[in-house]
PDB file of all heavy atoms in Angstrom:
ATOM      1  N   VAL A   1      -5.982   0.061   1.675  1.00  0.00           N
ATOM      2  CA  VAL A   1      -5.337  -1.043   0.959  1.00  0.00           C
ATOM      3  C   VAL A   1      -4.415  -0.425  -0.088  1.00  0.00           C
ATOM      4  O   VAL A   1      -4.701   0.639  -0.636  1.00  0.00           O
ATOM      5  CB  VAL A   1      -6.381  -1.992   0.313  1.00  0.00           C
ATOM      6  CG1 VAL A   1      -7.202  -1.287  -0.743  1.00  0.00           C
ATOM      7  CG2 VAL A   1      -5.723  -3.243  -0.239  1.00  0.00           C
ATOM      8  N   THR A   2      -3.304  -1.108  -0.331  1.00  0.00           N
ATOM      9  CA  THR A   2      -2.302  -0.609  -1.270  1.00  0.00           C
ATOM     10  C   THR A   2      -2.271  -1.463  -2.524  1.00  0.00           C
ATOM     11  O   THR A   2      -2.297  -2.695  -2.434  1.00  0.00           O
ATOM     12  CB  THR A   2      -0.911  -0.615  -0.607  1.00  0.00           C
ATOM     13  OG1 THR A   2      -0.942   0.227   0.538  1.00  0.00           O
ATOM     14  CG2 THR A   2       0.173  -0.136  -1.556  1.00  0.00           C
ATOM     15  N   PHE A   3      -2.192  -0.801  -3.677  1.00  0.00           N
ATOM     16  CA  PHE A   3      -1.976  -1.459  -4.959  1.00  0.00           C
ATOM     17  C   PHE A   3      -0.835  -0.714  -5.647  1.00  0.00           C
ATOM     18  O   PHE A   3      -1.052   0.371  -6.206  1.00  0.00           O
ATOM     19  CB  PHE A   3      -3.234  -1.428  -5.827  1.00  0.00           C
ATOM     20  CG  PHE A   3      -4.365  -2.250  -5.287  1.00  0.00           C
ATOM     21  CD1 PHE A   3      -5.451  -1.645  -4.683  1.00  0.00           C
ATOM     22  CD2 PHE A   3      -4.329  -3.634  -5.373  1.00  0.00           C
ATOM     23  CE1 PHE A   3      -6.499  -2.404  -4.176  1.00  0.00           C
ATOM     24  CE2 PHE A   3      -5.375  -4.406  -4.860  1.00  0.00           C
ATOM     25  CZ  PHE A   3      -6.451  -3.791  -4.265  1.00  0.00           C
ATOM     26  N   GLY A   4       0.358  -1.259  -5.597  1.00  0.00           N
ATOM     27  CA  GLY A   4       1.510  -0.595  -6.199  1.00  0.00           C
ATOM     28  C   GLY A   4       1.772   0.737  -5.539  1.00  0.00           C
ATOM     29  O   GLY A   4       2.016   0.816  -4.339  1.00  0.00           O
ATOM     30  N   HIS A   5       1.714   1.801  -6.313  1.00  0.00           N
ATOM     31  CA  HIS A   5       1.927   3.152  -5.788  1.00  0.00           C
ATOM     32  C   HIS A   5       0.613   3.901  -5.593  1.00  0.00           C
ATOM     33  O   HIS A   5       0.572   5.124  -5.648  1.00  0.00           O
ATOM     34  CB  HIS A   5       2.868   3.929  -6.717  1.00  0.00           C
ATOM     35  CG  HIS A   5       4.275   3.443  -6.648  1.00  0.00           C
ATOM     36  ND1 HIS A   5       4.749   2.421  -7.435  1.00  0.00           N
ATOM     37  CD2 HIS A   5       5.293   3.796  -5.844  1.00  0.00           C
ATOM     38  CE1 HIS A   5       6.007   2.181  -7.136  1.00  0.00           C
ATOM     39  NE2 HIS A   5       6.369   3.007  -6.168  1.00  0.00           N
ATOM     40  N   VAL A   6      -0.449   3.150  -5.366  1.00  0.00           N
ATOM     41  CA  VAL A   6      -1.768   3.723  -5.102  1.00  0.00           C
ATOM     42  C   VAL A   6      -2.278   3.148  -3.780  1.00  0.00           C
ATOM     43  O   VAL A   6      -2.228   1.945  -3.555  1.00  0.00           O
ATOM     44  CB  VAL A   6      -2.771   3.382  -6.230  1.00  0.00           C
ATOM     45  CG1 VAL A   6      -4.179   3.839  -5.882  1.00  0.00           C
ATOM     46  CG2 VAL A   6      -2.318   4.004  -7.543  1.00  0.00           C
ATOM     47  N   VAL A   7      -2.760   4.031  -2.914  1.00  0.00           N
ATOM     48  CA  VAL A   7      -3.374   3.610  -1.656  1.00  0.00           C
ATOM     49  C   VAL A   7      -4.826   4.070  -1.682  1.00  0.00           C
ATOM     50  O   VAL A   7      -5.111   5.239  -1.951  1.00  0.00           O
ATOM     51  CB  VAL A   7      -2.644   4.185  -0.427  1.00  0.00           C
ATOM     52  CG1 VAL A   7      -3.331   3.755   0.858  1.00  0.00           C
ATOM     53  CG2 VAL A   7      -1.179   3.754  -0.414  1.00  0.00           C
ATOM     54  N   LEU A   8      -5.727   3.134  -1.427  1.00  0.00           N
ATOM     55  CA  LEU A   8      -7.158   3.425  -1.363  1.00  0.00           C
ATOM     56  C   LEU A   8      -7.567   3.402   0.093  1.00  0.00           C
ATOM     57  O   LEU A   8      -7.291   2.432   0.801  1.00  0.00           O
ATOM     58  CB  LEU A   8      -7.946   2.366  -2.132  1.00  0.00           C
ATOM     59  CG  LEU A   8      -7.518   2.090  -3.577  1.00  0.00           C
ATOM     60  CD1 LEU A   8      -8.288   0.910  -4.140  1.00  0.00           C
ATOM     61  CD2 LEU A   8      -7.707   3.328  -4.432  1.00  0.00           C
ATOM     62  N   GLY A   9      -8.213   4.459   0.562  1.00  0.00           N
ATOM     63  CA  GLY A   9      -8.641   4.534   1.950  1.00  0.00           C
ATOM     64  C   GLY A   9     -10.096   4.913   2.062  1.00  0.00           C
ATOM     65  O   GLY A   9     -10.660   5.535   1.161  1.00  0.00           O
ATOM     66  N   ARG A  10     -10.696   4.538   3.203  1.00  0.00           N
ATOM     67  CA  ARG A  10     -12.103   4.904   3.418  1.00  0.00           C
ATOM     68  C   ARG A  10     -12.269   6.406   3.527  1.00  0.00           C
ATOM     69  O   ARG A  10     -13.232   6.975   3.037  1.00  0.00           O
ATOM     70  CB  ARG A  10     -12.629   4.239   4.692  1.00  0.00           C
ATOM     71  CG  ARG A  10     -12.756   2.745   4.583  1.00  0.00           C
ATOM     72  CD  ARG A  10     -13.400   2.154   5.800  1.00  0.00           C
ATOM     73  NE  ARG A  10     -12.664   2.538   6.999  1.00  0.00           N
ATOM     74  CZ  ARG A  10     -12.609   1.826   8.113  1.00  0.00           C
ATOM     75  NH1 ARG A  10     -13.279   0.693   8.196  1.00  0.00           N
ATOM     76  NH2 ARG A  10     -11.918   2.233   9.141  1.00  0.00           N
ATOM     77  N   SER A  11     -11.313   7.061   4.179  1.00  0.00           N
ATOM     78  CA  SER A  11     -11.405   8.511   4.379  1.00  0.00           C
ATOM     79  C   SER A  11      -9.996   9.089   4.444  1.00  0.00           C
ATOM     80  O   SER A  11      -9.018   8.346   4.587  1.00  0.00           O
ATOM     81  CB  SER A  11     -12.137   8.816   5.693  1.00  0.00           C
ATOM     82  OG  SER A  11     -11.345   8.389   6.793  1.00  0.00           O
ATOM     83  N   LEU A  12      -9.894  10.401   4.378  1.00  0.00           N
ATOM     84  CA  LEU A  12      -8.601  11.053   4.515  1.00  0.00           C
ATOM     85  C   LEU A  12      -8.014  10.775   5.899  1.00  0.00           C
ATOM     86  O   LEU A  12      -6.815  10.544   6.034  1.00  0.00           O
ATOM     87  CB  LEU A  12      -8.725  12.557   4.255  1.00  0.00           C
ATOM     88  CG  LEU A  12      -7.424  13.351   4.302  1.00  0.00           C
ATOM     89  CD1 LEU A  12      -6.395  12.797   3.318  1.00  0.00           C
ATOM     90  CD2 LEU A  12      -7.696  14.824   4.023  1.00  0.00           C
ATOM     91  N   ALA A  13      -8.866  10.773   6.912  1.00  0.00           N
ATOM     92  CA  ALA A  13      -8.384  10.474   8.269  1.00  0.00           C
ATOM     93  C   ALA A  13      -7.798   9.065   8.349  1.00  0.00           C
ATOM     94  O   ALA A  13      -6.753   8.853   8.975  1.00  0.00           O
ATOM     95  CB  ALA A  13      -9.523  10.638   9.284  1.00  0.00           C
ATOM     96  N   ASP A  14      -8.455   8.097   7.701  1.00  0.00           N
ATOM     97  CA  ASP A  14      -7.923   6.730   7.685  1.00  0.00           C
ATOM     98  C   ASP A  14      -6.579   6.683   6.960  1.00  0.00           C
ATOM     99  O   ASP A  14      -5.655   5.988   7.396  1.00  0.00           O
ATOM    100  CB  ASP A  14      -8.908   5.767   7.023  1.00  0.00           C
ATOM    101  CG  ASP A  14     -10.092   5.438   7.908  1.00  0.00           C
ATOM    102  OD1 ASP A  14      -9.903   5.301   9.130  1.00  0.00           O
ATOM    103  OD2 ASP A  14     -11.210   5.314   7.371  1.00  0.00           O
ATOM    104  N   LEU A  15      -6.463   7.401   5.858  1.00  0.00           N
ATOM    105  CA  LEU A  15      -5.185   7.437   5.138  1.00  0.00           C
ATOM    106  C   LEU A  15      -4.091   8.037   6.003  1.00  0.00           C
ATOM    107  O   LEU A  15      -2.963   7.524   6.027  1.00  0.00           O
ATOM    108  CB  LEU A  15      -5.331   8.216   3.832  1.00  0.00           C
ATOM    109  CG  LEU A  15      -6.124   7.512   2.732  1.00  0.00           C
ATOM    110  CD1 LEU A  15      -6.452   8.482   1.606  1.00  0.00           C
ATOM    111  CD2 LEU A  15      -5.367   6.313   2.203  1.00  0.00           C
ATOM    112  N   ASN A  16      -4.411   9.103   6.722  1.00  0.00           N
ATOM    113  CA  ASN A  16      -3.414   9.719   7.598  1.00  0.00           C
ATOM    114  C   ASN A  16      -2.956   8.753   8.689  1.00  0.00           C
ATOM    115  O   ASN A  16      -1.776   8.718   9.031  1.00  0.00           O
ATOM    116  CB  ASN A  16      -3.971  11.004   8.222  1.00  0.00           C
ATOM    117  CG  ASN A  16      -4.121  12.117   7.200  1.00  0.00           C
ATOM    118  OD1 ASN A  16      -3.430  12.156   6.189  1.00  0.00           O
ATOM    119  ND2 ASN A  16      -5.043  13.024   7.460  1.00  0.00           N
ATOM    120  N   CYS A  17      -3.885   7.974   9.223  1.00  0.00           N
ATOM    121  CA  CYS A  17      -3.553   7.029  10.304  1.00  0.00           C
ATOM    122  C   CYS A  17      -2.772   5.817   9.809  1.00  0.00           C
ATOM    123  O   CYS A  17      -1.979   5.251  10.560  1.00  0.00           O
ATOM    124  CB  CYS A  17      -4.829   6.544  10.997  1.00  0.00           C
ATOM    125  SG  CYS A  17      -5.640   7.798  11.979  1.00  0.00           S
ATOM    126  N   THR A  18      -3.008   5.399   8.581  1.00  0.00           N
ATOM    127  CA  THR A  18      -2.411   4.156   8.078  1.00  0.00           C
ATOM    128  C   THR A  18      -1.237   4.392   7.125  1.00  0.00           C
ATOM    129  O   THR A  18      -0.642   3.428   6.644  1.00  0.00           O
ATOM    130  CB  THR A  18      -3.471   3.306   7.335  1.00  0.00           C
ATOM    131  OG1 THR A  18      -3.959   4.044   6.208  1.00  0.00           O
ATOM    132  CG2 THR A  18      -4.620   2.925   8.252  1.00  0.00           C
ATOM    133  N   ARG A  19      -0.897   5.647   6.876  1.00  0.00           N
ATOM    134  CA  ARG A  19       0.094   5.962   5.843  1.00  0.00           C
ATOM    135  C   ARG A  19       1.424   5.229   6.032  1.00  0.00           C
ATOM    136  O   ARG A  19       1.966   4.638   5.091  1.00  0.00           O
ATOM    137  CB  ARG A  19       0.337   7.468   5.761  1.00  0.00           C
ATOM    138  CG  ARG A  19       1.220   7.855   4.579  1.00  0.00           C
ATOM    139  CD  ARG A  19       1.212   9.354   4.328  1.00  0.00           C
ATOM    140  NE  ARG A  19      -0.096   9.751   3.805  1.00  0.00           N
ATOM    141  CZ  ARG A  19      -0.916  10.609   4.404  1.00  0.00           C
ATOM    142  NH1 ARG A  19      -0.560  11.181   5.543  1.00  0.00           N
ATOM    143  NH2 ARG A  19      -2.085  10.913   3.865  1.00  0.00           N
ATOM    144  N   ALA A  20       1.980   5.225   7.216  1.00  0.00           N
ATOM    145  CA  ALA A  20       3.279   4.571   7.440  1.00  0.00           C
ATOM    146  C   ALA A  20       3.184   3.074   7.133  1.00  0.00           C
ATOM    147  O   ALA A  20       4.077   2.499   6.502  1.00  0.00           O
ATOM    148  CB  ALA A  20       3.758   4.809   8.863  1.00  0.00           C
ATOM    149  N   HIS A  21       2.102   2.440   7.571  1.00  0.00           N
ATOM    150  CA  HIS A  21       1.884   1.012   7.317  1.00  0.00           C
ATOM    151  C   HIS A  21       1.757   0.752   5.811  1.00  0.00           C
ATOM    152  O   HIS A  21       2.389  -0.166   5.271  1.00  0.00           O
ATOM    153  CB  HIS A  21       0.613   0.564   8.056  1.00  0.00           C
ATOM    154  CG  HIS A  21       0.224  -0.853   7.812  1.00  0.00           C
ATOM    155  ND1 HIS A  21       0.584  -1.865   8.667  1.00  0.00           N
ATOM    156  CD2 HIS A  21      -0.494  -1.433   6.824  1.00  0.00           C
ATOM    157  CE1 HIS A  21       0.102  -3.015   8.211  1.00  0.00           C
ATOM    158  NE2 HIS A  21      -0.559  -2.775   7.087  1.00  0.00           N
ATOM    159  N   GLU A  22       0.972   1.562   5.132  1.00  0.00           N
ATOM    160  CA  GLU A  22       0.750   1.361   3.701  1.00  0.00           C
ATOM    161  C   GLU A  22       2.015   1.634   2.890  1.00  0.00           C
ATOM    162  O   GLU A  22       2.242   0.994   1.860  1.00  0.00           O
ATOM    163  CB  GLU A  22      -0.425   2.207   3.207  1.00  0.00           C
ATOM    164  CG  GLU A  22      -1.760   1.892   3.869  1.00  0.00           C
ATOM    165  CD  GLU A  22      -2.189   0.434   3.786  1.00  0.00           C
ATOM    166  OE1 GLU A  22      -1.898  -0.233   2.764  1.00  0.00           O
ATOM    167  OE2 GLU A  22      -2.812  -0.056   4.745  1.00  0.00           O
ATOM    168  N   LEU A  23       2.866   2.539   3.361  1.00  0.00           N
ATOM    169  CA  LEU A  23       4.124   2.793   2.657  1.00  0.00           C
ATOM    170  C   LEU A  23       5.057   1.592   2.726  1.00  0.00           C
ATOM    171  O   LEU A  23       5.863   1.375   1.808  1.00  0.00           O
ATOM    172  CB  LEU A  23       4.807   4.047   3.205  1.00  0.00           C
ATOM    173  CG  LEU A  23       4.141   5.365   2.809  1.00  0.00           C
ATOM    174  CD1 LEU A  23       4.843   6.537   3.486  1.00  0.00           C
ATOM    175  CD2 LEU A  23       4.117   5.544   1.299  1.00  0.00           C
ATOM    176  N   VAL A  24       4.956   0.788   3.776  1.00  0.00           N
ATOM    177  CA  VAL A  24       5.714  -0.469   3.818  1.00  0.00           C
ATOM    178  C   VAL A  24       5.224  -1.373   2.693  1.00  0.00           C
ATOM    179  O   VAL A  24       6.028  -2.009   1.998  1.00  0.00           O
ATOM    180  CB  VAL A  24       5.595  -1.162   5.195  1.00  0.00           C
ATOM    181  CG1 VAL A  24       6.281  -2.525   5.176  1.00  0.00           C
ATOM    182  CG2 VAL A  24       6.180  -0.284   6.296  1.00  0.00           C
ATOM    183  N   HIS A  25       3.914  -1.421   2.484  1.00  0.00           N
ATOM    184  CA  HIS A  25       3.372  -2.228   1.385  1.00  0.00           C
ATOM    185  C   HIS A  25       3.825  -1.686   0.025  1.00  0.00           C
ATOM    186  O   HIS A  25       4.086  -2.463  -0.894  1.00  0.00           O
ATOM    187  CB  HIS A  25       1.848  -2.299   1.450  1.00  0.00           C
ATOM    188  CG  HIS A  25       1.327  -3.089   2.597  1.00  0.00           C
ATOM    189  ND1 HIS A  25       1.802  -4.340   2.939  1.00  0.00           N
ATOM    190  CD2 HIS A  25       0.354  -2.816   3.513  1.00  0.00           C
ATOM    191  CE1 HIS A  25       1.156  -4.796   3.987  1.00  0.00           C
ATOM    192  NE2 HIS A  25       0.267  -3.876   4.358  1.00  0.00           N
ATOM    193  N   VAL A  26       3.936  -0.371  -0.118  1.00  0.00           N
ATOM    194  CA  VAL A  26       4.452   0.202  -1.367  1.00  0.00           C
ATOM    195  C   VAL A  26       5.861  -0.340  -1.615  1.00  0.00           C
ATOM    196  O   VAL A  26       6.182  -0.774  -2.724  1.00  0.00           O
ATOM    197  CB  VAL A  26       4.442   1.752  -1.334  1.00  0.00           C
ATOM    198  CG1 VAL A  26       5.212   2.325  -2.519  1.00  0.00           C
ATOM    199  CG2 VAL A  26       3.019   2.287  -1.307  1.00  0.00           C
ATOM    200  N   ARG A  27       6.704  -0.339  -0.586  1.00  0.00           N
ATOM    201  CA  ARG A  27       8.064  -0.864  -0.742  1.00  0.00           C
ATOM    202  C   ARG A  27       8.051  -2.364  -1.060  1.00  0.00           C
ATOM    203  O   ARG A  27       8.880  -2.855  -1.830  1.00  0.00           O
ATOM    204  CB  ARG A  27       8.891  -0.574   0.511  1.00  0.00           C
ATOM    205  CG  ARG A  27       9.205   0.911   0.671  1.00  0.00           C
ATOM    206  CD  ARG A  27      10.225   1.188   1.744  1.00  0.00           C
ATOM    207  NE  ARG A  27       9.833   0.765   3.067  1.00  0.00           N
ATOM    208  CZ  ARG A  27       9.112   1.483   3.928  1.00  0.00           C
ATOM    209  NH1 ARG A  27       8.690   2.697   3.564  1.00  0.00           N
ATOM    210  NH2 ARG A  27       8.823   1.021   5.122  1.00  0.00           N
ATOM    211  N   GLN A  28       7.075  -3.093  -0.480  1.00  0.00           N
ATOM    212  CA  GLN A  28       6.950  -4.515  -0.802  1.00  0.00           C
ATOM    213  C   GLN A  28       6.602  -4.701  -2.284  1.00  0.00           C
ATOM    214  O   GLN A  28       7.148  -5.577  -2.951  1.00  0.00           O
ATOM    215  CB  GLN A  28       5.895  -5.174   0.086  1.00  0.00           C
ATOM    216  CG  GLN A  28       6.313  -5.281   1.536  1.00  0.00           C
ATOM    217  CD  GLN A  28       5.177  -5.702   2.449  1.00  0.00           C
ATOM    218  OE1 GLN A  28       3.997  -5.583   2.115  1.00  0.00           O
ATOM    219  NE2 GLN A  28       5.534  -6.200   3.629  1.00  0.00           N
ATOM    220  N   TYR A  29       5.702  -3.874  -2.795  1.00  0.00           N
ATOM    221  CA  TYR A  29       5.374  -3.923  -4.228  1.00  0.00           C
ATOM    222  C   TYR A  29       6.614  -3.616  -5.066  1.00  0.00           C
ATOM    223  O   TYR A  29       6.815  -4.205  -6.123  1.00  0.00           O
ATOM    224  CB  TYR A  29       4.278  -2.914  -4.579  1.00  0.00           C
ATOM    225  CG  TYR A  29       2.878  -3.451  -4.512  1.00  0.00           C
ATOM    226  CD1 TYR A  29       2.103  -3.255  -3.381  1.00  0.00           C
ATOM    227  CD2 TYR A  29       2.320  -4.130  -5.579  1.00  0.00           C
ATOM    228  CE1 TYR A  29       0.798  -3.724  -3.314  1.00  0.00           C
ATOM    229  CE2 TYR A  29       1.016  -4.607  -5.532  1.00  0.00           C
ATOM    230  CZ  TYR A  29       0.266  -4.406  -4.397  1.00  0.00           C
ATOM    231  OH  TYR A  29      -1.022  -4.875  -4.338  1.00  0.00           O
ATOM    232  N   GLU A  30       7.431  -2.688  -4.612  1.00  0.00           N
ATOM    233  CA  GLU A  30       8.639  -2.351  -5.363  1.00  0.00           C
ATOM    234  C   GLU A  30       9.613  -3.530  -5.390  1.00  0.00           C
ATOM    235  O   GLU A  30      10.388  -3.654  -6.333  1.00  0.00           O
ATOM    236  CB  GLU A  30       9.301  -1.110  -4.772  1.00  0.00           C
ATOM    237  CG  GLU A  30       8.509   0.159  -5.027  1.00  0.00           C
ATOM    238  CD  GLU A  30       9.110   1.391  -4.390  1.00  0.00           C
ATOM    239  OE1 GLU A  30      10.026   1.268  -3.536  1.00  0.00           O
ATOM    240  OE2 GLU A  30       8.657   2.503  -4.735  1.00  0.00           O
ATOM    241  N   ARG A  31       9.596  -4.359  -4.362  1.00  0.00           N
ATOM    242  CA  ARG A  31      10.451  -5.552  -4.338  1.00  0.00           C
ATOM    243  C   ARG A  31       9.849  -6.702  -5.128  1.00  0.00           C
ATOM    244  O   ARG A  31      10.537  -7.391  -5.861  1.00  0.00           O
ATOM    245  CB  ARG A  31      10.675  -6.014  -2.893  1.00  0.00           C
ATOM    246  CG  ARG A  31      11.872  -5.382  -2.262  1.00  0.00           C
ATOM    247  CD  ARG A  31      12.123  -5.932  -0.869  1.00  0.00           C
ATOM    248  NE  ARG A  31      11.980  -4.807   0.037  1.00  0.00           N
ATOM    249  CZ  ARG A  31      11.094  -4.703   1.005  1.00  0.00           C
ATOM    250  NH1 ARG A  31      10.290  -5.681   1.276  1.00  0.00           N
ATOM    251  NH2 ARG A  31      11.026  -3.630   1.737  1.00  0.00           N
ATOM    252  N   TRP A  32       8.559  -6.955  -4.929  1.00  0.00           N
ATOM    253  CA  TRP A  32       7.890  -8.132  -5.489  1.00  0.00           C
ATOM    254  C   TRP A  32       7.272  -7.880  -6.862  1.00  0.00           C
ATOM    255  O   TRP A  32       6.993  -8.827  -7.592  1.00  0.00           O
ATOM    256  CB  TRP A  32       6.809  -8.623  -4.527  1.00  0.00           C
ATOM    257  CG  TRP A  32       7.363  -9.294  -3.326  1.00  0.00           C
ATOM    258  CD1 TRP A  32       7.868  -8.698  -2.203  1.00  0.00           C
ATOM    259  CD2 TRP A  32       7.479 -10.694  -3.115  1.00  0.00           C
ATOM    260  NE1 TRP A  32       8.282  -9.646  -1.314  1.00  0.00           N
ATOM    261  CE2 TRP A  32       8.050 -10.888  -1.843  1.00  0.00           C
ATOM    262  CE3 TRP A  32       7.151 -11.807  -3.871  1.00  0.00           C
ATOM    263  CZ2 TRP A  32       8.307 -12.135  -1.320  1.00  0.00           C
ATOM    264  CZ3 TRP A  32       7.394 -13.060  -3.355  1.00  0.00           C
ATOM    265  CH2 TRP A  32       7.976 -13.218  -2.092  1.00  0.00           C
ATOM    266  N   GLY A  33       7.006  -6.636  -7.195  1.00  0.00           N
ATOM    267  CA  GLY A  33       6.424  -6.291  -8.490  1.00  0.00           C
ATOM    268  C   GLY A  33       5.134  -7.037  -8.761  1.00  0.00           C
ATOM    269  O   GLY A  33       4.260  -7.133  -7.887  1.00  0.00           O
ATOM    270  N   PRO A  34       4.997  -7.608  -9.957  1.00  0.00           N
ATOM    271  CA  PRO A  34       3.745  -8.271 -10.328  1.00  0.00           C
ATOM    272  C   PRO A  34       3.473  -9.544  -9.519  1.00  0.00           C
ATOM    273  O   PRO A  34       2.379 -10.090  -9.583  1.00  0.00           O
ATOM    274  CB  PRO A  34       3.928  -8.604 -11.813  1.00  0.00           C
ATOM    275  CG  PRO A  34       5.396  -8.599 -12.035  1.00  0.00           C
ATOM    276  CD  PRO A  34       5.979  -7.631 -11.045  1.00  0.00           C
ATOM    277  N   PHE A  35       4.451  -9.989  -8.742  1.00  0.00           N
ATOM    278  CA  PHE A  35       4.267 -11.195  -7.935  1.00  0.00           C
ATOM    279  C   PHE A  35       3.708 -10.889  -6.543  1.00  0.00           C
ATOM    280  O   PHE A  35       3.411 -11.807  -5.790  1.00  0.00           O
ATOM    281  CB  PHE A  35       5.596 -11.951  -7.809  1.00  0.00           C
ATOM    282  CG  PHE A  35       6.161 -12.338  -9.139  1.00  0.00           C
ATOM    283  CD1 PHE A  35       7.250 -11.661  -9.659  1.00  0.00           C
ATOM    284  CD2 PHE A  35       5.590 -13.349  -9.895  1.00  0.00           C
ATOM    285  CE1 PHE A  35       7.769 -11.988 -10.907  1.00  0.00           C
ATOM    286  CE2 PHE A  35       6.096 -13.694 -11.143  1.00  0.00           C
ATOM    287  CZ  PHE A  35       7.193 -13.006 -11.644  1.00  0.00           C
ATOM    288  N   PHE A  36       3.579  -9.602  -6.195  1.00  0.00           N
ATOM    289  CA  PHE A  36       3.127  -9.267  -4.848  1.00  0.00           C
ATOM    290  C   PHE A  36       1.728  -9.794  -4.555  1.00  0.00           C
ATOM    291  O   PHE A  36       1.513 -10.468  -3.542  1.00  0.00           O
ATOM    292  CB  PHE A  36       3.173  -7.748  -4.598  1.00  0.00           C
ATOM    293  CG  PHE A  36       2.679  -7.399  -3.218  1.00  0.00           C
ATOM    294  CD1 PHE A  36       3.504  -7.512  -2.126  1.00  0.00           C
ATOM    295  CD2 PHE A  36       1.368  -6.994  -3.006  1.00  0.00           C
ATOM    296  CE1 PHE A  36       3.051  -7.219  -0.839  1.00  0.00           C
ATOM    297  CE2 PHE A  36       0.900  -6.696  -1.742  1.00  0.00           C
ATOM    298  CZ  PHE A  36       1.750  -6.808  -0.655  1.00  0.00           C
ATOM    299  N   ILE A  37       0.770  -9.483  -5.414  1.00  0.00           N
ATOM    300  CA  ILE A  37      -0.614  -9.906  -5.144  1.00  0.00           C
ATOM    301  C   ILE A  37      -0.718 -11.429  -5.087  1.00  0.00           C
ATOM    302  O   ILE A  37      -1.279 -11.960  -4.109  1.00  0.00           O
ATOM    303  CB  ILE A  37      -1.612  -9.278  -6.143  1.00  0.00           C
ATOM    304  CG1 ILE A  37      -1.685  -7.768  -5.925  1.00  0.00           C
ATOM    305  CG2 ILE A  37      -2.993  -9.919  -6.005  1.00  0.00           C
ATOM    306  CD1 ILE A  37      -2.509  -7.018  -6.958  1.00  0.00           C
ATOM    307  N   PRO A  38      -0.166 -12.178  -6.049  1.00  0.00           N
ATOM    308  CA  PRO A  38      -0.237 -13.644  -5.917  1.00  0.00           C
ATOM    309  C   PRO A  38       0.467 -14.159  -4.661  1.00  0.00           C
ATOM    310  O   PRO A  38      -0.044 -15.070  -3.997  1.00  0.00           O
ATOM    311  CB  PRO A  38       0.453 -14.160  -7.181  1.00  0.00           C
ATOM    312  CG  PRO A  38       0.389 -13.040  -8.149  1.00  0.00           C
ATOM    313  CD  PRO A  38       0.395 -11.781  -7.344  1.00  0.00           C
ATOM    314  N   ALA A  39       1.623 -13.588  -4.317  1.00  0.00           N
ATOM    315  CA  ALA A  39       2.346 -14.044  -3.126  1.00  0.00           C
ATOM    316  C   ALA A  39       1.542 -13.746  -1.856  1.00  0.00           C
ATOM    317  O   ALA A  39       1.442 -14.584  -0.959  1.00  0.00           O
ATOM    318  CB  ALA A  39       3.726 -13.380  -3.050  1.00  0.00           C
TER     319      ALA A  39
END
């Protein structure tokens, strides 16, 4: 799961597998800022 510029993963392997997907969420946070979580 992504929170701003922080990604929390169950394991390093999970982070490696989901990194590209989670980086899209990082960019979404950069667009939406504090409104991302409510949106």
